[in-house]
Amino acid sequence: MSISHAPPSPPGPDIPDISSPDTVPVDLEPIVPSSSRRTRVPRWLRRTTGPVLLLILWQLLSSTGVLASDVLASPGRIAQVAGDLIADGSLADAMTTSLQRVAAGLVLGTLIGTGLALVSGLFRIGEDIVDAPVQMLRTVPFVGLIPLFIIWFGIGEAPKIAIITLGVTFPLYLNVYAGIRGVDAQLIEAGESLGLSRWGLVRHVVLPGALPGAMTGLRYSLGIAWLALVFAEQVNADSGIGFLMVQARDFLRTDVIVVCLIVYAFLGLLADFVVRSLERLLLQWRPTFTGR
């Protein structure tokens, strides 16, 4: 039985015959997804648009009298007061004192929180001894311990640093502990098959795997450190940003209060930027999604 083959149909007018040697190659343009196209507006300009519009609206409401000065000072007045505080040196002295308190509490809280997380995360007996008391203590509001700290440590710098230390310890403990226990078990088995000792597994597998959680915990701890500083400096304080806020509250100076709040926000943003830069430096081995 013979099978007849139909002759190939000639190419249409719009479809070039790529089998012919005389065919001119067609230039094809790559299709670029819309999510990867670059916008012409710089990103820094887009990020500053919202705050600038808010400041303009704020100034307009203050200038037209809709927003009274005794309720909230205008941005122009706040800028003038900030310049005066910078000129007489009171703002710089307050920032220096507050930074010293946060730094001391952050160092102590980091050492305590990380040490407890290592003991609890690496050893089962450590988890049985450490984890339950820590979970109980972290549910107690650290602000409620201020009277006890004043009784125990007096009214000097010790209770203020103790409050910040307590606020830093628990977020760091939880994230480092979760990072240690979240390490893939297959990586542990692979390290054991390569002959790594227990310390080698901790050094080369467990600690690098827990580092992302530790960085996240550090960012949370910094935020809580500034929150704890606000409470600490409003209790028997004679210096610092919180002390300026207490004085401004007594004299109904909303402009000074807003200046202090802006300083708190700026210092917190600066600290978060430092931690994020450290995170990018230490976690270069981990590819992450950066948004589209």
Foldseek 3Di string as FASTA:
>chain_A
DDDDDDDDDDDDPVDDDPPDPPDDDDDDDDDDDPFPDDDPDDPVVVVCPVVVVVLVVQQVCDVVVVQDCLRANHPVVLVVVVVVCVVVVQQVQQVVVLVVLLVLLQVLLLVQQLVLLCQLQLDVVSVVVRVVVLVVVVVDPLLVCLVVLCVVPNLDSRSLSVSLNVLLRNLLNVLLNCQQVVFDVVVVVVCVVVPADSVRCCVPGRVLSSVVSNLVSSLSSLVSSLVSNLSSCCGNHDGHLNNQLVVCVVVSNNSSNVSSVVVSVVVSVVVNVVSVVVCCVSVVVDDDDDGD
